[in-house]
Amino acid sequence: MDYEKLKIKGFKYWDLYLHKNQFPYIGRCYAWAKNNKADKINDMTKEEQNELFEIIIPRWNNSIEKSFGKQRPNIACFGNTSPHLHWHFIPRYNKKIIFKGEPFIPVNPGKNYAPYPKTNMDSETLQEIKDLISINL
């Protein structure tokens, strides 16, 4: 996967990417720390924290609501499979979202977002989702 194709926007300390798995959480993204030495959450500088929590997360949340409707944002920092500081932004919807004729049906409402079905999406649709988020960011 060429992750640079999924990059939505670069900020001073973080890059915002569209997550390759959009089903069932359309608008799912992650912020990747530009600091190559950042491995864990306690490696974050105050400046990185401020940019993430005061700029990126609110802008992402607003963009998702403009793009796909009201949702409840789930924000998580795991570091399980990728040993570099990054944060997951997972929109949780209370209703089905239709995008380009495809239904995105909520899974596990009110519970942990995982497990969820992992479905491949064509690169054209991923690009359209990325472009819509970028426009509304």
N, C-alpha and C. Protein backbone atom coordinates (compact mmCIF):
# COMPACT_ATOMS: atom_id res chain seq x y z
N MET A 1 0.85 -1.18 0.00
CA MET A 1 0.00 0.00 0.00
C MET A 1 0.90 1.24 0.00
N ASP A 2 0.64 2.16 -0.89
CA ASP A 2 1.36 3.43 -0.94
C ASP A 2 0.63 4.41 -0.03
N TYR A 3 1.11 4.50 1.22
CA TYR A 3 0.43 5.31 2.22
C TYR A 3 0.43 6.79 1.89
N GLU A 4 1.41 7.26 1.14
CA GLU A 4 1.44 8.69 0.78
C GLU A 4 0.22 9.08 -0.03
N LYS A 5 -0.36 8.14 -0.76
CA LYS A 5 -1.59 8.43 -1.52
C LYS A 5 -2.77 8.67 -0.58
N LEU A 6 -2.65 8.18 0.66
CA LEU A 6 -3.73 8.36 1.63
C LEU A 6 -3.51 9.56 2.55
N LYS A 7 -2.42 10.29 2.33
CA LYS A 7 -2.14 11.47 3.16
C LYS A 7 -3.14 12.57 2.85
N ILE A 8 -3.80 13.05 3.89
CA ILE A 8 -4.80 14.11 3.76
C ILE A 8 -4.15 15.47 3.89
N LYS A 9 -3.32 15.63 4.94
CA LYS A 9 -2.70 16.93 5.18
C LYS A 9 -1.49 16.77 6.10
N GLY A 10 -0.49 17.57 5.84
CA GLY A 10 0.66 17.64 6.71
C GLY A 10 0.55 18.85 7.62
N PHE A 11 0.82 18.66 8.89
CA PHE A 11 0.87 19.74 9.86
C PHE A 11 2.32 19.88 10.31
N LYS A 12 2.60 20.74 11.24
CA LYS A 12 3.98 20.94 11.66
C LYS A 12 4.57 19.69 12.31
N TYR A 13 3.80 19.05 13.20
CA TYR A 13 4.30 17.91 13.97
C TYR A 13 3.69 16.57 13.57
N TRP A 14 2.62 16.60 12.79
CA TRP A 14 1.87 15.39 12.47
C TRP A 14 1.48 15.38 11.00
N ASP A 15 1.28 14.17 10.46
CA ASP A 15 0.65 13.99 9.16
C ASP A 15 -0.66 13.26 9.40
N LEU A 16 -1.70 13.72 8.73
CA LEU A 16 -3.02 13.10 8.85
C LEU A 16 -3.27 12.24 7.62
N TYR A 17 -3.62 10.97 7.87
CA TYR A 17 -3.85 10.00 6.80
C TYR A 17 -5.25 9.40 6.90
N LEU A 18 -5.79 9.05 5.75
CA LEU A 18 -7.00 8.25 5.70
C LEU A 18 -6.59 6.81 5.97
N HIS A 19 -7.31 6.14 6.86
CA HIS A 19 -7.04 4.73 7.13
C HIS A 19 -7.51 3.91 5.94
N LYS A 20 -6.75 2.88 5.56
CA LYS A 20 -7.11 2.09 4.37
C LYS A 20 -8.39 1.29 4.56
N ASN A 21 -8.77 0.99 5.82
CA ASN A 21 -10.02 0.28 6.10
C ASN A 21 -11.11 1.28 6.46
N GLN A 22 -12.02 1.52 5.54
CA GLN A 22 -13.09 2.48 5.77
C GLN A 22 -14.41 1.83 6.17
N PHE A 23 -14.55 0.52 5.96
CA PHE A 23 -15.77 -0.16 6.38
C PHE A 23 -15.59 -0.63 7.81
N PRO A 24 -16.51 -0.44 8.68
CA PRO A 24 -17.76 0.30 8.52
C PRO A 24 -17.64 1.76 8.99
N TYR A 25 -16.42 2.21 9.27
CA TYR A 25 -16.22 3.53 9.89
C TYR A 25 -15.71 4.54 8.87
N ILE A 26 -16.58 4.98 7.99
CA ILE A 26 -16.17 5.93 6.96
C ILE A 26 -15.67 7.22 7.61
N GLY A 27 -14.52 7.65 7.16
CA GLY A 27 -13.88 8.82 7.75
C GLY A 27 -12.80 8.47 8.75
N ARG A 28 -12.54 7.17 8.93
CA ARG A 28 -11.50 6.74 9.86
C ARG A 28 -10.14 7.22 9.36
N CYS A 29 -9.39 7.81 10.26
CA CYS A 29 -8.09 8.39 9.92
C CYS A 29 -7.09 8.09 11.04
N TYR A 30 -5.87 8.51 10.80
CA TYR A 30 -4.87 8.46 11.87
C TYR A 30 -3.87 9.59 11.68
N ALA A 31 -3.33 10.05 12.79
CA ALA A 31 -2.28 11.07 12.78
C ALA A 31 -0.97 10.38 13.11
N TRP A 32 0.04 10.60 12.28
CA TRP A 32 1.35 9.97 12.41
C TRP A 32 2.35 11.04 12.81
N ALA A 33 3.06 10.83 13.91
CA ALA A 33 4.03 11.81 14.39
C ALA A 33 5.18 11.95 13.40
N LYS A 34 5.56 13.18 13.11
CA LYS A 34 6.70 13.42 12.24
C LYS A 34 8.02 13.19 12.97
N ASN A 35 7.98 13.25 14.29
CA ASN A 35 9.16 13.03 15.11
C ASN A 35 9.55 11.55 15.03
N ASN A 36 10.63 11.25 14.34
CA ASN A 36 11.05 9.86 14.14
C ASN A 36 11.49 9.16 15.42
N LYS A 37 11.74 9.93 16.47
CA LYS A 37 12.14 9.33 17.74
C LYS A 37 10.95 9.03 18.64
N ALA A 38 9.77 9.46 18.24
CA ALA A 38 8.56 9.25 19.05
C ALA A 38 8.08 7.81 18.89
N ASP A 39 8.05 7.11 20.00
CA ASP A 39 7.65 5.72 19.98
C ASP A 39 6.37 5.50 20.79
N LYS A 40 6.29 6.14 21.96
CA LYS A 40 5.15 5.95 22.86
C LYS A 40 4.51 7.30 23.17
N ILE A 41 3.34 7.22 23.79
CA ILE A 41 2.58 8.42 24.11
C ILE A 41 3.37 9.38 25.00
N ASN A 42 4.19 8.85 25.90
CA ASN A 42 4.94 9.74 26.79
C ASN A 42 6.15 10.37 26.10
N ASP A 43 6.36 10.07 24.82
CA ASP A 43 7.39 10.73 24.03
C ASP A 43 6.89 12.03 23.40
N MET A 44 5.59 12.29 23.53
CA MET A 44 5.02 13.49 22.91
C MET A 44 5.50 14.76 23.62
N THR A 45 5.88 15.74 22.82
CA THR A 45 6.23 17.04 23.38
C THR A 45 4.95 17.84 23.61
N LYS A 46 5.05 18.89 24.37
CA LYS A 46 3.89 19.76 24.62
C LYS A 46 3.38 20.35 23.29
N GLU A 47 4.31 20.71 22.42
CA GLU A 47 3.92 21.28 21.12
C GLU A 47 3.17 20.25 20.27
N GLU A 48 3.63 19.01 20.30
CA GLU A 48 2.93 17.94 19.56
C GLU A 48 1.54 17.71 20.14
N GLN A 49 1.45 17.71 21.47
CA GLN A 49 0.15 17.54 22.13
C GLN A 49 -0.80 18.66 21.74
N ASN A 50 -0.31 19.89 21.80
CA ASN A 50 -1.17 21.04 21.50
C ASN A 50 -1.68 20.98 20.07
N GLU A 51 -0.79 20.69 19.12
CA GLU A 51 -1.23 20.63 17.73
C GLU A 51 -2.26 19.53 17.53
N LEU A 52 -2.01 18.37 18.13
CA LEU A 52 -2.93 17.24 17.98
C LEU A 52 -4.30 17.54 18.58
N PHE A 53 -4.31 17.98 19.84
CA PHE A 53 -5.58 18.11 20.56
C PHE A 53 -6.30 19.45 20.32
N GLU A 54 -5.57 20.47 19.96
CA GLU A 54 -6.20 21.78 19.76
C GLU A 54 -6.47 22.11 18.29
N ILE A 55 -5.78 21.44 17.38
CA ILE A 55 -5.96 21.76 15.96
C ILE A 55 -6.46 20.55 15.17
N ILE A 56 -5.69 19.48 15.18
CA ILE A 56 -5.98 18.36 14.27
C ILE A 56 -7.27 17.64 14.63
N ILE A 57 -7.42 17.22 15.88
CA ILE A 57 -8.63 16.47 16.25
C ILE A 57 -9.89 17.31 16.04
N PRO A 58 -9.95 18.57 16.49
CA PRO A 58 -11.17 19.35 16.22
C PRO A 58 -11.46 19.54 14.73
N ARG A 59 -10.42 19.77 13.95
CA ARG A 59 -10.63 19.96 12.51
C ARG A 59 -11.08 18.67 11.84
N TRP A 60 -10.47 17.55 12.25
CA TRP A 60 -10.91 16.25 11.72
C TRP A 60 -12.37 16.00 12.09
N ASN A 61 -12.72 16.21 13.35
CA ASN A 61 -14.09 15.97 13.81
C ASN A 61 -15.08 16.81 13.03
N ASN A 62 -14.78 18.09 12.85
CA ASN A 62 -15.67 18.96 12.08
C ASN A 62 -15.78 18.52 10.63
N SER A 63 -14.68 18.11 10.05
CA SER A 63 -14.69 17.65 8.66
C SER A 63 -15.55 16.40 8.50
N ILE A 64 -15.43 15.46 9.42
CA ILE A 64 -16.21 14.23 9.33
C ILE A 64 -17.70 14.54 9.45
N GLU A 65 -18.06 15.44 10.36
CA GLU A 65 -19.47 15.79 10.50
C GLU A 65 -20.00 16.51 9.26
N LYS A 66 -19.21 17.38 8.66
CA LYS A 66 -19.62 18.04 7.42
C LYS A 66 -19.72 17.05 6.27
N SER A 67 -18.81 16.09 6.25
CA SER A 67 -18.74 15.14 5.14
C SER A 67 -19.77 14.02 5.23
N PHE A 68 -20.00 13.49 6.44
CA PHE A 68 -20.81 12.28 6.56
C PHE A 68 -21.91 12.36 7.61
N GLY A 69 -21.96 13.43 8.39
CA GLY A 69 -23.00 13.57 9.39
C GLY A 69 -22.50 13.41 10.80
N LYS A 70 -23.40 13.64 11.72
CA LYS A 70 -23.09 13.59 13.16
C LYS A 70 -22.55 12.23 13.55
N GLN A 71 -21.52 12.25 14.38
CA GLN A 71 -20.90 11.03 14.85
C GLN A 71 -20.29 11.27 16.22
N ARG A 72 -19.84 10.20 16.82
CA ARG A 72 -19.16 10.29 18.11
C ARG A 72 -17.72 9.86 17.88
N PRO A 73 -16.78 10.79 18.03
CA PRO A 73 -15.39 10.43 17.72
C PRO A 73 -14.76 9.55 18.80
N ASN A 74 -14.12 8.49 18.37
CA ASN A 74 -13.31 7.66 19.24
C ASN A 74 -11.86 7.94 18.87
N ILE A 75 -11.05 8.32 19.84
CA ILE A 75 -9.64 8.65 19.62
C ILE A 75 -8.83 7.67 20.45
N ALA A 76 -7.82 7.03 19.84
CA ALA A 76 -7.06 6.01 20.55
C ALA A 76 -5.60 6.01 20.12
N CYS A 77 -4.74 5.68 21.07
CA CYS A 77 -3.31 5.54 20.81
C CYS A 77 -2.90 4.14 21.28
N PHE A 78 -2.66 3.23 20.34
CA PHE A 78 -2.35 1.86 20.71
C PHE A 78 -0.87 1.53 20.58
N GLY A 79 -0.33 1.63 19.39
CA GLY A 79 1.06 1.27 19.16
C GLY A 79 1.31 -0.23 19.18
N ASN A 80 0.27 -1.03 18.94
CA ASN A 80 0.40 -2.48 18.98
C ASN A 80 1.17 -3.04 17.79
N THR A 81 0.78 -2.64 16.60
CA THR A 81 1.37 -3.24 15.41
C THR A 81 2.34 -2.32 14.70
N SER A 82 2.31 -1.06 15.00
CA SER A 82 3.22 -0.11 14.39
C SER A 82 3.96 0.63 15.49
N PRO A 83 5.22 0.32 15.72
CA PRO A 83 5.96 0.92 16.84
C PRO A 83 6.43 2.34 16.56
N HIS A 84 5.49 3.20 16.32
CA HIS A 84 5.77 4.62 16.13
C HIS A 84 4.54 5.37 16.64
N LEU A 85 4.74 6.54 17.23
CA LEU A 85 3.64 7.29 17.82
C LEU A 85 2.62 7.69 16.75
N HIS A 86 1.40 7.24 16.94
CA HIS A 86 0.29 7.62 16.06
C HIS A 86 -1.02 7.47 16.84
N TRP A 87 -2.02 8.21 16.37
CA TRP A 87 -3.34 8.21 17.01
C TRP A 87 -4.39 7.83 15.98
N HIS A 88 -5.32 6.98 16.39
CA HIS A 88 -6.44 6.57 15.53
C HIS A 88 -7.65 7.46 15.81
N PHE A 89 -8.31 7.88 14.75
CA PHE A 89 -9.54 8.67 14.84
C PHE A 89 -10.64 7.84 14.17
N ILE A 90 -11.56 7.35 14.98
CA ILE A 90 -12.59 6.44 14.48
C ILE A 90 -13.96 7.05 14.72
N PRO A 91 -14.63 7.47 13.64
CA PRO A 91 -15.97 8.03 13.81
C PRO A 91 -16.99 6.91 14.06
N ARG A 92 -17.83 7.10 15.06
CA ARG A 92 -18.86 6.12 15.39
C ARG A 92 -20.22 6.74 15.10
N TYR A 93 -20.94 6.14 14.21
CA TYR A 93 -22.24 6.66 13.78
C TYR A 93 -23.37 5.86 14.41
N ASN A 94 -24.52 6.52 14.57
CA ASN A 94 -25.71 5.85 15.09
C ASN A 94 -26.64 5.41 13.97
N LYS A 95 -26.26 5.71 12.74
CA LYS A 95 -27.11 5.36 11.60
C LYS A 95 -26.23 4.94 10.43
N LYS A 96 -26.87 4.30 9.49
CA LYS A 96 -26.17 3.87 8.28
C LYS A 96 -25.81 5.11 7.46
N ILE A 97 -24.59 5.12 6.91
CA ILE A 97 -24.13 6.18 6.02
C ILE A 97 -24.03 5.58 4.63
N ILE A 98 -24.55 6.28 3.65
CA ILE A 98 -24.43 5.86 2.26
C ILE A 98 -23.46 6.79 1.57
N PHE A 99 -22.42 6.23 0.95
CA PHE A 99 -21.45 7.03 0.20
C PHE A 99 -21.22 6.35 -1.13
N LYS A 100 -21.50 7.06 -2.20
CA LYS A 100 -21.34 6.52 -3.56
C LYS A 100 -22.08 5.19 -3.72
N GLY A 101 -23.26 5.12 -3.10
CA GLY A 101 -24.09 3.92 -3.20
C GLY A 101 -23.68 2.79 -2.27
N GLU A 102 -22.59 2.95 -1.53
CA GLU A 102 -22.12 1.92 -0.61
C GLU A 102 -22.64 2.18 0.79
N PRO A 103 -23.25 1.18 1.44
CA PRO A 103 -23.70 1.37 2.82
C PRO A 103 -22.57 1.13 3.82
N PHE A 104 -22.46 2.03 4.77
CA PHE A 104 -21.53 1.89 5.90
C PHE A 104 -22.42 1.73 7.13
N ILE A 105 -22.57 0.49 7.57
CA ILE A 105 -23.52 0.16 8.64
C ILE A 105 -22.77 0.04 9.97
N PRO A 106 -23.23 0.77 11.00
CA PRO A 106 -22.54 0.72 12.30
C PRO A 106 -22.41 -0.71 12.84
N VAL A 107 -21.24 -0.98 13.41
CA VAL A 107 -20.95 -2.28 14.03
C VAL A 107 -20.70 -2.02 15.51
N ASN A 108 -21.21 -2.87 16.36
CA ASN A 108 -20.99 -2.77 17.81
C ASN A 108 -21.38 -1.41 18.39
N PRO A 109 -22.55 -0.87 18.05
CA PRO A 109 -22.92 0.45 18.60
C PRO A 109 -22.84 0.45 20.13
N GLY A 110 -22.22 1.48 20.67
CA GLY A 110 -22.10 1.63 22.11
C GLY A 110 -21.05 0.73 22.75
N LYS A 111 -20.31 -0.01 21.93
CA LYS A 111 -19.28 -0.91 22.44
C LYS A 111 -17.97 -0.62 21.73
N ASN A 112 -16.93 -1.38 22.05
CA ASN A 112 -15.65 -1.24 21.40
C ASN A 112 -15.82 -1.37 19.89
N TYR A 113 -15.08 -0.56 19.13
CA TYR A 113 -15.24 -0.58 17.68
C TYR A 113 -14.71 -1.87 17.03
N ALA A 114 -13.88 -2.61 17.74
CA ALA A 114 -13.32 -3.85 17.19
C ALA A 114 -13.94 -5.04 17.91
N PRO A 115 -14.04 -6.15 17.29
CA PRO A 115 -13.64 -6.43 15.92
C PRO A 115 -14.67 -5.90 14.93
N TYR A 116 -14.22 -5.72 13.73
CA TYR A 116 -15.08 -5.26 12.66
C TYR A 116 -14.64 -5.95 11.37
N PRO A 117 -15.56 -6.05 10.42
CA PRO A 117 -15.18 -6.71 9.17
C PRO A 117 -14.21 -5.83 8.38
N LYS A 118 -13.12 -6.41 7.95
CA LYS A 118 -12.14 -5.68 7.15
C LYS A 118 -12.44 -5.97 5.67
N THR A 119 -12.79 -4.93 4.96
CA THR A 119 -13.18 -5.06 3.56
C THR A 119 -12.29 -4.16 2.71
N ASN A 120 -11.79 -4.70 1.64
CA ASN A 120 -10.99 -3.89 0.73
C ASN A 120 -11.88 -2.94 -0.05
N MET A 121 -11.38 -1.75 -0.26
CA MET A 121 -12.10 -0.72 -1.00
C MET A 121 -11.22 -0.30 -2.16
N ASP A 122 -11.84 -0.04 -3.29
CA ASP A 122 -11.05 0.35 -4.44
C ASP A 122 -10.40 1.71 -4.21
N SER A 123 -9.28 1.93 -4.85
CA SER A 123 -8.48 3.14 -4.63
C SER A 123 -9.22 4.40 -5.06
N GLU A 124 -10.10 4.30 -6.03
CA GLU A 124 -10.85 5.48 -6.47
C GLU A 124 -11.79 5.97 -5.37
N THR A 125 -12.49 5.05 -4.72
CA THR A 125 -13.40 5.44 -3.63
C THR A 125 -12.62 5.97 -2.44
N LEU A 126 -11.49 5.34 -2.11
CA LEU A 126 -10.64 5.86 -1.04
C LEU A 126 -10.21 7.29 -1.34
N GLN A 127 -9.83 7.55 -2.59
CA GLN A 127 -9.42 8.90 -2.98
C GLN A 127 -10.58 9.89 -2.84
N GLU A 128 -11.78 9.49 -3.19
CA GLU A 128 -12.95 10.37 -3.07
C GLU A 128 -13.24 10.69 -1.60
N ILE A 129 -13.12 9.71 -0.72
CA ILE A 129 -13.32 9.94 0.70
C ILE A 129 -12.24 10.89 1.22
N LYS A 130 -11.01 10.63 0.85
CA LYS A 130 -9.88 11.48 1.27
C LYS A 130 -10.08 12.91 0.79
N ASP A 131 -10.48 13.09 -0.46
CA ASP A 131 -10.68 14.43 -1.02
C ASP A 131 -11.80 15.17 -0.28
N LEU A 132 -12.89 14.47 0.04
CA LEU A 132 -14.00 15.11 0.75
C LEU A 132 -13.56 15.56 2.15
N ILE A 133 -12.84 14.71 2.86
CA ILE A 133 -12.34 15.10 4.19
C ILE A 133 -11.40 16.29 4.07
N SER A 134 -10.53 16.25 3.08
CA SER A 134 -9.56 17.34 2.87
C SER A 134 -10.26 18.66 2.59
N ILE A 135 -11.28 18.65 1.75
CA ILE A 135 -12.02 19.86 1.42
C ILE A 135 -12.65 20.47 2.67
N ASN A 136 -13.17 19.63 3.55
CA ASN A 136 -13.89 20.09 4.74
C ASN A 136 -12.99 20.27 5.97
N LEU A 137 -11.69 20.00 5.82
CA LEU A 137 -10.77 20.05 6.97
C LEU A 137 -10.53 21.46 7.45
